[in-house]
Structure formats: structure tokens, C-alpha cells
PDB file of N, CA and C in Angstrom:
ATOM      1  N   MET A   1       0.833  -1.146  -0.059  1.00  0.00           N
ATOM      2  CA  MET A   1      -0.031  -0.082   0.278  1.00  0.00           C
ATOM      3  C   MET A   1       0.812   0.889   0.032  1.00  0.00           C
ATOM      4  N   ASN A   2       0.098   2.075  -0.540  1.00  0.00           N
ATOM      5  CA  ASN A   2       1.314   3.193  -0.873  1.00  0.00           C
ATOM      6  C   ASN A   2       1.181   4.383   0.424  1.00  0.00           C
ATOM      7  N   LYS A   3       2.220   4.922   0.756  1.00  0.00           N
ATOM      8  CA  LYS A   3       2.473   5.857   2.004  1.00  0.00           C
ATOM      9  C   LYS A   3       1.180   6.647   2.002  1.00  0.00           C
ATOM     10  N   LYS A   4       0.512   6.738   1.164  1.00  0.00           N
ATOM     11  CA  LYS A   4      -0.315   7.365   1.223  1.00  0.00           C
ATOM     12  C   LYS A   4      -1.614   6.995   1.118  1.00  0.00           C
ATOM     13  N   ALA A   5      -2.183   5.979   1.701  1.00  0.00           N
ATOM     14  CA  ALA A   5      -2.992   5.305   1.567  1.00  0.00           C
ATOM     15  C   ALA A   5      -4.584   5.988   2.259  1.00  0.00           C
ATOM     16  N   ALA A   6      -5.753   6.811   1.521  1.00  0.00           N
ATOM     17  CA  ALA A   6      -6.848   6.830   2.237  1.00  0.00           C
ATOM     18  C   ALA A   6      -6.534   6.002   3.033  1.00  0.00           C
ATOM     19  N   PRO A   7      -7.853   7.006   4.500  1.00  0.00           N
ATOM     20  CA  PRO A   7      -8.207   6.265   5.528  1.00  0.00           C
ATOM     21  C   PRO A   7      -9.061   4.740   5.289  1.00  0.00           C
ATOM     22  N   ASP A   8      -9.972   5.141   4.035  1.00  0.00           N
ATOM     23  CA  ASP A   8     -10.740   4.034   3.989  1.00  0.00           C
ATOM     24  C   ASP A   8      -9.931   2.986   3.171  1.00  0.00           C
ATOM     25  N   GLU A   9      -9.702   3.006   1.898  1.00  0.00           N
ATOM     26  CA  GLU A   9      -8.109   2.043   1.671  1.00  0.00           C
ATOM     27  C   GLU A   9      -7.875   1.355   2.609  1.00  0.00           C
ATOM     28  N   LEU A  10      -7.479   1.575   3.503  1.00  0.00           N
ATOM     29  CA  LEU A  10      -6.650   1.730   4.579  1.00  0.00           C
ATOM     30  C   LEU A  10      -7.464  -0.061   5.743  1.00  0.00           C
ATOM     31  N   ILE A  11      -8.708   0.788   6.138  1.00  0.00           N
ATOM     32  CA  ILE A  11      -9.687   0.308   7.106  1.00  0.00           C
ATOM     33  C   ILE A  11     -10.290  -0.967   5.742  1.00  0.00           C
ATOM     34  N   ASN A  12     -10.229  -0.789   4.468  1.00  0.00           N
ATOM     35  CA  ASN A  12     -10.844  -1.960   3.411  1.00  0.00           C
ATOM     36  C   ASN A  12      -9.638  -2.551   3.711  1.00  0.00           C
ATOM     37  N   ALA A  13      -8.927  -2.900   3.543  1.00  0.00           N
ATOM     38  CA  ALA A  13      -7.610  -3.810   3.766  1.00  0.00           C
ATOM     39  C   ALA A  13      -7.431  -4.586   5.083  1.00  0.00           C
ATOM     40  N   ILE A  14      -7.210  -4.022   6.407  1.00  0.00           N
ATOM     41  CA  ILE A  14      -7.634  -4.313   7.656  1.00  0.00           C
ATOM     42  C   ILE A  14      -8.703  -5.946   7.421  1.00  0.00           C
ATOM     43  N   GLN A  15      -9.908  -4.536   7.142  1.00  0.00           N
ATOM     44  CA  GLN A  15     -11.237  -5.498   7.301  1.00  0.00           C
ATOM     45  C   GLN A  15     -11.574  -6.829   6.174  1.00  0.00           C
ATOM     46  N   ARG A  16     -10.712  -6.594   5.338  1.00  0.00           N
ATOM     47  CA  ARG A  16     -10.295  -7.956   4.381  1.00  0.00           C
ATOM     48  C   ARG A  16      -9.538  -8.966   4.836  1.00  0.00           C
ATOM     49  N   ILE A  17      -8.701  -8.517   5.766  1.00  0.00           N
ATOM     50  CA  ILE A  17      -7.260  -9.837   5.818  1.00  0.00           C
ATOM     51  C   ILE A  17      -8.077  -9.752   7.444  1.00  0.00           C
ATOM     52  N   PHE A  18      -9.046  -9.363   8.176  1.00  0.00           N
ATOM     53  CA  PHE A  18      -9.699  -9.980   9.574  1.00  0.00           C
ATOM     54  C   PHE A  18     -10.732 -10.883   8.610  1.00  0.00           C
ATOM     55  N   LEU A  19     -11.212 -10.952   7.926  1.00  0.00           N
ATOM     56  CA  LEU A  19     -12.395 -11.991   7.624  1.00  0.00           C
ATOM     57  C   LEU A  19     -11.510 -13.278   6.725  1.00  0.00           C
ATOM     58  N   GLY A  20     -10.002 -12.702   6.759  1.00  0.00           N
ATOM     59  CA  GLY A  20      -9.528 -14.078   5.951  1.00  0.00           C
ATOM     60  C   GLY A  20      -9.452 -14.057   4.843  1.00  0.00           C
ATOM     61  N   ARG A  21      -9.613 -12.892   3.931  1.00  0.00           N
ATOM     62  CA  ARG A  21      -9.461 -12.699   2.562  1.00  0.00           C
ATOM     63  C   ARG A  21      -8.666 -12.383   1.503  1.00  0.00           C
ATOM     64  N   LYS A  22      -7.607 -11.644   0.781  1.00  0.00           N
ATOM     65  CA  LYS A  22      -6.805 -11.427   0.366  1.00  0.00           C
ATOM     66  C   LYS A  22      -7.260 -10.171   0.039  1.00  0.00           C
ATOM     67  N   TYR A  23      -6.572  -8.888   0.241  1.00  0.00           N
ATOM     68  CA  TYR A  23      -5.945  -7.579  -0.387  1.00  0.00           C
ATOM     69  C   TYR A  23      -5.201  -7.322  -1.393  1.00  0.00           C
ATOM     70  N   ILE A  24      -5.330  -7.301  -1.861  1.00  0.00           N
ATOM     71  CA  ILE A  24      -4.315  -5.979  -2.946  1.00  0.00           C
ATOM     72  C   ILE A  24      -3.983  -4.139  -3.016  1.00  0.00           C
ATOM     73  N   THR A  25      -3.141  -4.443  -3.442  1.00  0.00           N
ATOM     74  CA  THR A  25      -3.319  -2.806  -3.473  1.00  0.00           C
ATOM     75  C   THR A  25      -3.875  -2.291  -5.160  1.00  0.00           C
ATOM     76  N   PRO A  26      -4.591  -0.978  -5.148  1.00  0.00           N
ATOM     77  CA  PRO A  26      -4.895  -0.869  -6.635  1.00  0.00           C
ATOM     78  C   PRO A  26      -3.518  -1.099  -7.432  1.00  0.00           C
ATOM     79  N   GLU A  27      -2.676  -0.152  -7.602  1.00  0.00           N
ATOM     80  CA  GLU A  27      -1.260  -0.502  -7.823  1.00  0.00           C
ATOM     81  C   GLU A  27      -0.949  -1.632  -8.610  1.00  0.00           C
ATOM     82  N   ILE A  28      -1.077  -2.886  -7.609  1.00  0.00           N
ATOM     83  CA  ILE A  28      -0.599  -4.159  -7.689  1.00  0.00           C
ATOM     84  C   ILE A  28      -1.704  -4.671  -8.987  1.00  0.00           C
ATOM     85  N   ALA A  29      -3.429  -4.067  -8.661  1.00  0.00           N
ATOM     86  CA  ALA A  29      -3.889  -5.332  -9.527  1.00  0.00           C
ATOM     87  C   ALA A  29      -3.545  -4.725 -10.629  1.00  0.00           C
ATOM     88  N   GLU A  30      -3.403  -3.388 -10.926  1.00  0.00           N
ATOM     89  CA  GLU A  30      -3.559  -2.671 -12.268  1.00  0.00           C
ATOM     90  C   GLU A  30      -2.243  -3.388 -12.844  1.00  0.00           C
ATOM     91  N   ARG A  31      -0.989  -3.362 -12.620  1.00  0.00           N
ATOM     92  CA  ARG A  31       0.239  -4.553 -12.702  1.00  0.00           C
ATOM     93  C   ARG A  31       0.140  -5.585 -13.191  1.00  0.00           C
ATOM     94  N   LEU A  32      -0.691  -6.499 -12.119  1.00  0.00           N
ATOM     95  CA  LEU A  32      -1.561  -7.708 -12.930  1.00  0.00           C
ATOM     96  C   LEU A  32      -2.394  -7.521 -14.089  1.00  0.00           C
ATOM     97  N   LEU A  33      -3.107  -7.062 -13.928  1.00  0.00           N
ATOM     98  CA  LEU A  33      -3.947  -6.378 -15.276  1.00  0.00           C
ATOM     99  C   LEU A  33      -3.049  -6.699 -17.023  1.00  0.00           C
ATOM    100  N   ILE A  34      -2.589  -5.482 -16.668  1.00  0.00           N
ATOM    101  CA  ILE A  34      -1.088  -5.488 -17.324  1.00  0.00           C
ATOM    102  C   ILE A  34      -0.728  -6.440 -17.912  1.00  0.00           C
ATOM    103  N   ASN A  35       0.085  -7.530 -17.246  1.00  0.00           N
ATOM    104  CA  ASN A  35       0.271  -8.669 -17.251  1.00  0.00           C
ATOM    105  C   ASN A  35       0.037  -9.824 -17.668  1.00  0.00           C
ATOM    106  N   ILE A  36      -1.527 -10.155 -17.203  1.00  0.00           N
ATOM    107  CA  ILE A  36      -2.836 -11.047 -17.803  1.00  0.00           C
ATOM    108  C   ILE A  36      -3.161 -10.526 -19.020  1.00  0.00           C
ATOM    109  N   SER A  37      -3.275  -8.599 -19.788  1.00  0.00           N
ATOM    110  CA  SER A  37      -4.088  -8.564 -20.487  1.00  0.00           C
ATOM    111  C   SER A  37      -2.838  -7.944 -22.264  1.00  0.00           C
ATOM    112  N   THR A  38      -1.291  -9.060 -22.197  1.00  0.00           N
ATOM    113  CA  THR A  38      -0.147  -8.768 -22.671  1.00  0.00           C
ATOM    114  C   THR A  38       0.269 -10.261 -22.825  1.00  0.00           C
ATOM    115  N   ASP A  39       0.613 -10.526 -23.870  1.00  0.00           N
ATOM    116  CA  ASP A  39       0.732 -11.755 -24.019  1.00  0.00           C
ATOM    117  C   ASP A  39       2.379 -11.890 -23.531  1.00  0.00           C
ATOM    118  N   LYS A  40       2.936 -11.108 -23.043  1.00  0.00           N
ATOM    119  CA  LYS A  40       4.142 -10.686 -23.155  1.00  0.00           C
ATOM    120  C   LYS A  40       4.173 -11.682 -21.946  1.00  0.00           C
ATOM    121  N   LYS A  41       5.913 -12.364 -22.128  1.00  0.00           N
ATOM    122  CA  LYS A  41       6.557 -13.116 -20.734  1.00  0.00           C
ATOM    123  C   LYS A  41       7.449 -12.338 -19.723  1.00  0.00           C
ATOM    124  N   PRO A  42       6.734 -12.360 -18.593  1.00  0.00           N
ATOM    125  CA  PRO A  42       7.586 -10.625 -17.767  1.00  0.00           C
ATOM    126  C   PRO A  42       8.969 -10.377 -17.721  1.00  0.00           C
ATOM    127  N   HIS A  43       9.874 -11.091 -18.302  1.00  0.00           N
ATOM    128  CA  HIS A  43      11.080 -10.609 -18.580  1.00  0.00           C
ATOM    129  C   HIS A  43      10.939  -9.322 -19.321  1.00  0.00           C
ATOM    130  N   GLU A  44       9.897  -9.574 -20.530  1.00  0.00           N
ATOM    131  CA  GLU A  44       9.967  -8.873 -21.874  1.00  0.00           C
ATOM    132  C   GLU A  44       9.386  -7.294 -21.472  1.00  0.00           C
ATOM    133  N   LEU A  45       8.321  -7.304 -20.023  1.00  0.00           N
ATOM    134  CA  LEU A  45       7.645  -5.722 -19.262  1.00  0.00           C
ATOM    135  C   LEU A  45       8.951  -5.368 -18.687  1.00  0.00           C
ATOM    136  N   LEU A  46      10.362  -5.690 -18.633  1.00  0.00           N
ATOM    137  CA  LEU A  46      11.262  -4.783 -18.490  1.00  0.00           C
ATOM    138  C   LEU A  46      11.872  -3.674 -19.396  1.00  0.00           C
ATOM    139  N   THR A  47      12.236  -2.416 -18.236  1.00  0.00           N
ATOM    140  CA  THR A  47      12.995  -1.555 -19.254  1.00  0.00           C
ATOM    141  C   THR A  47      14.352  -2.082 -19.951  1.00  0.00           C
ATOM    142  N   ASN A  48      15.130  -1.280 -20.603  1.00  0.00           N
ATOM    143  CA  ASN A  48      16.257  -1.941 -21.487  1.00  0.00           C
ATOM    144  C   ASN A  48      16.793  -1.726 -20.129  1.00  0.00           C
ATOM    145  N   ARG A  49      17.324  -0.502 -19.480  1.00  0.00           N
ATOM    146  CA  ARG A  49      17.938  -1.177 -18.102  1.00  0.00           C
ATOM    147  C   ARG A  49      17.862  -1.820 -17.623  1.00  0.00           C
ATOM    148  N   GLU A  50      17.202  -2.515 -16.859  1.00  0.00           N
ATOM    149  CA  GLU A  50      16.446  -3.475 -16.336  1.00  0.00           C
ATOM    150  C   GLU A  50      17.080  -4.623 -16.969  1.00  0.00           C
ATOM    151  N   LEU A  51      16.529  -4.809 -18.057  1.00  0.00           N
ATOM    152  CA  LEU A  51      17.241  -6.124 -18.645  1.00  0.00           C
ATOM    153  C   LEU A  51      18.724  -6.048 -19.304  1.00  0.00           C
ATOM    154  N   GLU A  52      19.191  -4.976 -19.008  1.00  0.00           N
ATOM    155  CA  GLU A  52      20.839  -5.090 -18.929  1.00  0.00           C
ATOM    156  C   GLU A  52      21.119  -5.791 -17.505  1.00  0.00           C
ATOM    157  N   ILE A  53      20.577  -4.976 -16.617  1.00  0.00           N
ATOM    158  CA  ILE A  53      21.527  -5.374 -14.941  1.00  0.00           C
ATOM    159  C   ILE A  53      20.406  -6.805 -14.715  1.00  0.00           C
ATOM    160  N   PHE A  54      19.523  -7.157 -15.131  1.00  0.00           N
ATOM    161  CA  PHE A  54      18.762  -7.893 -14.938  1.00  0.00           C
ATOM    162  C   PHE A  54      19.815  -9.884 -15.951  1.00  0.00           C
ATOM    163  N   THR A  55      20.509  -8.817 -17.009  1.00  0.00           N
ATOM    164  CA  THR A  55      21.495  -9.781 -18.019  1.00  0.00           C
ATOM    165  C   THR A  55      22.826 -10.146 -16.907  1.00  0.00           C
ATOM    166  N   LEU A  56      23.253  -9.077 -16.097  1.00  0.00           N
ATOM    167  CA  LEU A  56      24.252  -8.734 -15.657  1.00  0.00           C
ATOM    168  C   LEU A  56      24.112  -9.835 -14.435  1.00  0.00           C
ATOM    169  N   LEU A  57      22.990  -9.584 -13.598  1.00  0.00           N
ATOM    170  CA  LEU A  57      23.009 -10.775 -12.400  1.00  0.00           C
ATOM    171  C   LEU A  57      22.996 -11.933 -12.756  1.00  0.00           C
ATOM    172  N   ALA A  58      22.274 -12.485 -13.887  1.00  0.00           N
ATOM    173  CA  ALA A  58      22.191 -13.450 -14.105  1.00  0.00           C
ATOM    174  C   ALA A  58      23.555 -14.313 -14.103  1.00  0.00           C
ATOM    175  N   MET A  59      24.328 -13.504 -15.154  1.00  0.00           N
ATOM    176  CA  MET A  59      25.096 -14.123 -15.048  1.00  0.00           C
ATOM    177  C   MET A  59      26.789 -13.547 -14.319  1.00  0.00           C
ATOM    178  N   GLY A  60      26.025 -13.587 -12.910  1.00  0.00           N
ATOM    179  CA  GLY A  60      26.678 -13.374 -11.213  1.00  0.00           C
ATOM    180  C   GLY A  60      27.647 -12.229 -10.972  1.00  0.00           C
ATOM    181  N   LYS A  61      27.239 -10.970 -11.875  1.00  0.00           N
ATOM    182  CA  LYS A  61      28.078 -10.023 -11.232  1.00  0.00           C
ATOM    183  C   LYS A  61      27.482  -9.783  -9.900  1.00  0.00           C
ATOM    184  N   THR A  62      28.297  -9.091  -9.370  1.00  0.00           N
ATOM    185  CA  THR A  62      28.055  -8.651  -7.903  1.00  0.00           C
ATOM    186  C   THR A  62      27.187  -7.260  -8.529  1.00  0.00           C
ATOM    187  N   VAL A  63      26.111  -6.171  -6.706  1.00  0.00           N
ATOM    188  CA  VAL A  63      26.079  -5.108  -7.604  1.00  0.00           C
ATOM    189  C   VAL A  63      26.637  -4.237  -7.506  1.00  0.00           C
ATOM    190  N   THR A  64      27.857  -4.166  -6.609  1.00  0.00           N
ATOM    191  CA  THR A  64      29.070  -3.215  -6.637  1.00  0.00           C
ATOM    192  C   THR A  64      29.628  -3.935  -8.109  1.00  0.00           C
ATOM    193  N   GLN A  65      29.662  -4.800  -8.927  1.00  0.00           N
ATOM    194  CA  GLN A  65      30.236  -5.015  -9.971  1.00  0.00           C
ATOM    195  C   GLN A  65      29.672  -4.440 -11.043  1.00  0.00           C
ATOM    196  N   ILE A  66      28.240  -4.494 -11.148  1.00  0.00           N
ATOM    197  CA  ILE A  66      27.251  -3.902 -12.166  1.00  0.00           C
ATOM    198  C   ILE A  66      27.880  -2.424 -12.237  1.00  0.00           C
ATOM    199  N   ALA A  67      26.895  -1.857 -10.175  1.00  0.00           N
ATOM    200  CA  ALA A  67      27.148   0.399 -10.800  1.00  0.00           C
ATOM    201  C   ALA A  67      28.742   0.351 -11.156  1.00  0.00           C
ATOM    202  N   GLU A  68      30.282  -0.190 -11.435  1.00  0.00           N
ATOM    203  CA  GLU A  68      31.269  -0.188 -11.451  1.00  0.00           C
ATOM    204  C   GLU A  68      31.061   0.088 -12.978  1.00  0.00           C
ATOM    205  N   THR A  69      30.876  -1.420 -13.625  1.00  0.00           N
ATOM    206  CA  THR A  69      30.510  -0.922 -15.157  1.00  0.00           C
ATOM    207  C   THR A  69      30.021  -0.218 -16.290  1.00  0.00           C
ATOM    208  N   LEU A  70      28.531   0.186 -15.255  1.00  0.00           N
ATOM    209  CA  LEU A  70      27.706   1.122 -15.716  1.00  0.00           C
ATOM    210  C   LEU A  70      27.513   2.636 -15.122  1.00  0.00           C
ATOM    211  N   PHE A  71      28.711   2.596 -14.082  1.00  0.00           N
ATOM    212  CA  PHE A  71      28.619   3.819 -14.128  1.00  0.00           C
ATOM    213  C   PHE A  71      27.309   4.645 -12.979  1.00  0.00           C
ATOM    214  N   SER A  72      27.375   3.577 -12.245  1.00  0.00           N
ATOM    215  CA  SER A  72      25.871   4.314 -11.403  1.00  0.00           C
ATOM    216  C   SER A  72      25.919   3.594 -10.329  1.00  0.00           C
ATOM    217  N   ALA A  73      25.625   4.372  -9.545  1.00  0.00           N
ATOM    218  CA  ALA A  73      25.191   4.179  -7.718  1.00  0.00           C
ATOM    219  C   ALA A  73      25.122   3.043  -7.708  1.00  0.00           C
ATOM    220  N   GLN A  74      25.886   2.177  -6.337  1.00  0.00           N
ATOM    221  CA  GLN A  74      25.380   0.502  -5.809  1.00  0.00           C
ATOM    222  C   GLN A  74      23.583   0.656  -5.173  1.00  0.00           C
ATOM    223  N   SER A  75      23.231   2.223  -4.978  1.00  0.00           N
ATOM    224  CA  SER A  75      21.807   1.972  -4.467  1.00  0.00           C
ATOM    225  C   SER A  75      21.108   2.130  -5.746  1.00  0.00           C
ATOM    226  N   THR A  76      21.594   2.416  -6.741  1.00  0.00           N
ATOM    227  CA  THR A  76      20.533   2.423  -7.587  1.00  0.00           C
ATOM    228  C   THR A  76      20.257   1.008  -8.365  1.00  0.00           C
ATOM    229  N   ILE A  77      21.490   0.878  -8.434  1.00  0.00           N
ATOM    230  CA  ILE A  77      21.659  -0.808  -9.282  1.00  0.00           C
ATOM    231  C   ILE A  77      20.892  -1.865  -8.096  1.00  0.00           C
ATOM    232  N   SER A  78      20.979  -1.400  -6.837  1.00  0.00           N
ATOM    233  CA  SER A  78      20.183  -2.221  -5.993  1.00  0.00           C
ATOM    234  C   SER A  78      18.856  -1.941  -6.057  1.00  0.00           C
ATOM    235  N   THR A  79      18.234  -0.534  -6.469  1.00  0.00           N
ATOM    236  CA  THR A  79      17.100  -0.290  -6.682  1.00  0.00           C
ATOM    237  C   THR A  79      15.999  -0.746  -8.212  1.00  0.00           C
ATOM    238  N   HIS A  80      16.814  -1.101  -8.779  1.00  0.00           N
ATOM    239  CA  HIS A  80      16.412  -2.123  -9.936  1.00  0.00           C
ATOM    240  C   HIS A  80      16.617  -3.360  -9.618  1.00  0.00           C
ATOM    241  N   ARG A  81      17.606  -3.589  -8.822  1.00  0.00           N
ATOM    242  CA  ARG A  81      17.576  -5.369  -8.696  1.00  0.00           C
ATOM    243  C   ARG A  81      16.261  -5.841  -7.921  1.00  0.00           C
ATOM    244  N   PHE A  82      15.508  -4.965  -7.433  1.00  0.00           N
ATOM    245  CA  PHE A  82      14.767  -4.830  -6.347  1.00  0.00           C
ATOM    246  C   PHE A  82      13.649  -5.285  -7.288  1.00  0.00           C
ATOM    247  N   ARG A  83      13.607  -4.521  -8.286  1.00  0.00           N
ATOM    248  CA  ARG A  83      12.227  -3.678  -8.812  1.00  0.00           C
ATOM    249  C   ARG A  83      11.798  -5.370  -9.408  1.00  0.00           C
ATOM    250  N   ILE A  84      13.260  -5.363 -10.565  1.00  0.00           N
ATOM    251  CA  ILE A  84      13.468  -7.116 -11.881  1.00  0.00           C
ATOM    252  C   ILE A  84      12.717  -8.044 -10.226  1.00  0.00           C
ATOM    253  N   MET A  85      12.949  -7.578  -9.733  1.00  0.00           N
ATOM    254  CA  MET A  85      12.821  -9.482  -8.632  1.00  0.00           C
ATOM    255  C   MET A  85      11.625  -9.371  -8.500  1.00  0.00           C
ATOM    256  N   GLU A  86      11.049  -7.939  -8.283  1.00  0.00           N
ATOM    257  CA  GLU A  86       9.764  -7.703  -7.619  1.00  0.00           C
ATOM    258  C   GLU A  86       8.716  -8.339  -9.199  1.00  0.00           C
ATOM    259  N   LYS A  87       8.986  -7.519 -10.498  1.00  0.00           N
ATOM    260  CA  LYS A  87       8.349  -7.840 -11.709  1.00  0.00           C
ATOM    261  C   LYS A  87       8.165  -9.448 -12.339  1.00  0.00           C
ATOM    262  N   LEU A  88       9.670  -9.970 -11.670  1.00  0.00           N
ATOM    263  CA  LEU A  88       9.488 -11.509 -12.567  1.00  0.00           C
ATOM    264  C   LEU A  88       8.973 -12.342 -11.026  1.00  0.00           C
ATOM    265  N   GLY A  89       8.850 -11.554  -9.940  1.00  0.00           N
ATOM    266  CA  GLY A  89       7.982 -12.982  -9.264  1.00  0.00           C
ATOM    267  C   GLY A  89       9.174 -13.638  -8.727  1.00  0.00           C
ATOM    268  N   LEU A  90      10.845 -13.791  -8.687  1.00  0.00           N
ATOM    269  CA  LEU A  90      11.741 -13.927  -7.885  1.00  0.00           C
ATOM    270  C   LEU A  90      11.906 -13.727  -6.839  1.00  0.00           C
ATOM    271  N   SER A  91      12.664 -14.710  -5.915  1.00  0.00           N
ATOM    272  CA  SER A  91      13.305 -13.736  -4.408  1.00  0.00           C
ATOM    273  C   SER A  91      14.699 -14.099  -4.870  1.00  0.00           C
ATOM    274  N   ASN A  92      15.446 -14.683  -5.224  1.00  0.00           N
ATOM    275  CA  ASN A  92      17.689 -14.797  -4.715  1.00  0.00           C
ATOM    276  C   ASN A  92      18.025 -14.635  -6.510  1.00  0.00           C
ATOM    277  N   ASN A  93      19.285 -13.938  -6.422  1.00  0.00           N
ATOM    278  CA  ASN A  93      19.949 -14.599  -7.463  1.00  0.00           C
ATOM    279  C   ASN A  93      19.675 -15.723  -8.134  1.00  0.00           C
ATOM    280  N   SER A  94      19.688 -17.151  -7.613  1.00  0.00           N
ATOM    281  CA  SER A  94      19.866 -18.296  -8.286  1.00  0.00           C
ATOM    282  C   SER A  94      18.114 -18.183  -9.400  1.00  0.00           C
ATOM    283  N   GLU A  95      17.609 -17.583  -8.543  1.00  0.00           N
ATOM    284  CA  GLU A  95      16.309 -18.132  -9.121  1.00  0.00           C
ATOM    285  C   GLU A  95      16.792 -17.189 -10.559  1.00  0.00           C
ATOM    286  N   LEU A  96      16.956 -16.340 -10.205  1.00  0.00           N
ATOM    287  CA  LEU A  96      17.127 -15.229 -10.969  1.00  0.00           C
ATOM    288  C   LEU A  96      17.917 -15.984 -12.665  1.00  0.00           C
ATOM    289  N   THR A  97      19.009 -16.234 -11.658  1.00  0.00           N
ATOM    290  CA  THR A  97      19.746 -17.311 -13.265  1.00  0.00           C
ATOM    291  C   THR A  97      19.124 -18.177 -13.619  1.00  0.00           C
ATOM    292  N   ARG A  98      18.274 -19.497 -12.947  1.00  0.00           N
ATOM    293  CA  ARG A  98      17.852 -20.427 -13.587  1.00  0.00           C
ATOM    294  C   ARG A  98      16.618 -19.841 -14.497  1.00  0.00           C
ATOM    295  N   TYR A  99      15.984 -18.944 -13.822  1.00  0.00           N
ATOM    296  CA  TYR A  99      15.151 -17.864 -15.110  1.00  0.00           C
ATOM    297  C   TYR A  99      15.540 -17.386 -16.431  1.00  0.00           C
ATOM    298  N   ALA A 100      16.456 -16.834 -16.685  1.00  0.00           N
ATOM    299  CA  ALA A 100      17.473 -16.087 -17.589  1.00  0.00           C
ATOM    300  C   ALA A 100      17.887 -17.249 -18.529  1.00  0.00           C
ATOM    301  N   ILE A 101      18.463 -18.698 -17.939  1.00  0.00           N
ATOM    302  CA  ILE A 101      18.723 -20.061 -18.652  1.00  0.00           C
ATOM    303  C   ILE A 101      17.431 -20.762 -18.994  1.00  0.00           C
ATOM    304  N   ALA A 102      16.140 -20.659 -18.447  1.00  0.00           N
ATOM    305  CA  ALA A 102      15.107 -21.083 -18.744  1.00  0.00           C
ATOM    306  C   ALA A 102      14.604 -20.487 -20.287  1.00  0.00           C
ATOM    307  N   HIS A 103      14.911 -19.235 -20.135  1.00  0.00           N
ATOM    308  CA  HIS A 103      13.991 -18.091 -21.117  1.00  0.00           C
ATOM    309  C   HIS A 103      15.135 -17.574 -22.228  1.00  0.00           C
ATOM    310  N   HIS A 104      16.448 -18.265 -22.113  1.00  0.00           N
ATOM    311  CA  HIS A 104      17.478 -18.170 -23.285  1.00  0.00           C
ATOM    312  C   HIS A 104      17.765 -16.609 -23.588  1.00  0.00           C
ATOM    313  N   ILE A 105      17.696 -16.001 -21.593  1.00  0.00           N
ATOM    314  CA  ILE A 105      18.541 -14.314 -21.956  1.00  0.00           C
ATOM    315  C   ILE A 105      19.898 -14.863 -22.082  1.00  0.00           C
ATOM    316  N   ILE A 106      20.117 -16.068 -20.692  1.00  0.00           N
ATOM    317  CA  ILE A 106      21.608 -16.210 -21.426  1.00  0.00           C
ATOM    318  C   ILE A 106      21.979 -18.051 -21.432  1.00  0.00           C
ATOM    319  N   SER A 107      22.862 -18.439 -21.389  1.00  0.00           N
ATOM    320  CA  SER A 107      23.337 -19.834 -21.610  1.00  0.00           C
ATOM    321  C   SER A 107      24.063 -19.940 -20.953  1.00  0.00           C
ATOM    322  N   ASP A 108      24.118 -21.065 -20.787  1.00  0.00           N
ATOM    323  CA  ASP A 108      25.089 -22.146 -18.925  1.00  0.00           C
ATOM    324  C   ASP A 108      26.576 -21.651 -19.530  1.00  0.00           C
ATOM    325  N   ILE A 109      26.817 -21.703 -21.267  1.00  0.00           N
ATOM    326  CA  ILE A 109      28.222 -20.778 -21.504  1.00  0.00           C
ATOM    327  C   ILE A 109      28.988 -19.564 -20.839  1.00  0.00           C
ATOM    328  N   ASP A 110      27.721 -19.375 -20.701  1.00  0.00           N
ATOM    329  CA  ASP A 110      27.909 -17.518 -20.579  1.00  0.00           C
ATOM    330  C   ASP A 110      28.430 -17.294 -18.590  1.00  0.00           C
ATOM    331  N   LEU A 111      28.062 -18.393 -18.030  1.00  0.00           N
ATOM    332  CA  LEU A 111      28.256 -18.163 -17.269  1.00  0.00           C
ATOM    333  C   LEU A 111      29.937 -18.700 -16.766  1.00  0.00           C
TER     334      LEU A 111
END
């Protein structure tokens, strides 16, 4: 939920959770609808910069190495990594690498 959620939205969320139901923010619902309404794979929804960072992460590069390579702050790369993981529904770099190999973004040889 965003930091400026309306009180009604917060109350709705609490009531739904209290009743054992699920709650997602309108922003997440919109993202899900976008993903459903397109035939694109999740990685195809990444920005060019996110795809570049995703590929480097999948190849085993660290956030520090990527920041140095791309002349960016580590915090910027970490933010991109967080968003990539969120968009792809991944929780760690191992899953990220497996996803990249499975979708032919990198090959075993690249490693």
C-alpha cells in the first residue's frame, strides 16, 4: 500500500484481512491486469536498463561490479534489482539465473 493511502482504503484492507480474505493495492491490481492483458513474458516487461542489469546479475555479477561497469551508484543498481525481482516474482539471484537460462536470456556457457 502506498504511504499516502486513504483512510478508507486502509480500513478496507484491514477488514478484508481480518475476514481471512486477500488484499492487494490498486497499483498491484493494475500491474497484474497489464500482465494478464498482454501475451508478453514477465522479462519482456522490463525496461532496457532493467534487462541490462538483469542479464549482468544472471551472469553472476555483484551489485558493486554492475555499479562500476555502468557508472551508477550501488543504491541505484540495488533499486533496479529489487524492481526486477518484484516484476519477475523471484526471491534470490539463484532463481534469477535459472529464469534467465530457462528463457534463453543467457546460456550456461555465458556463466
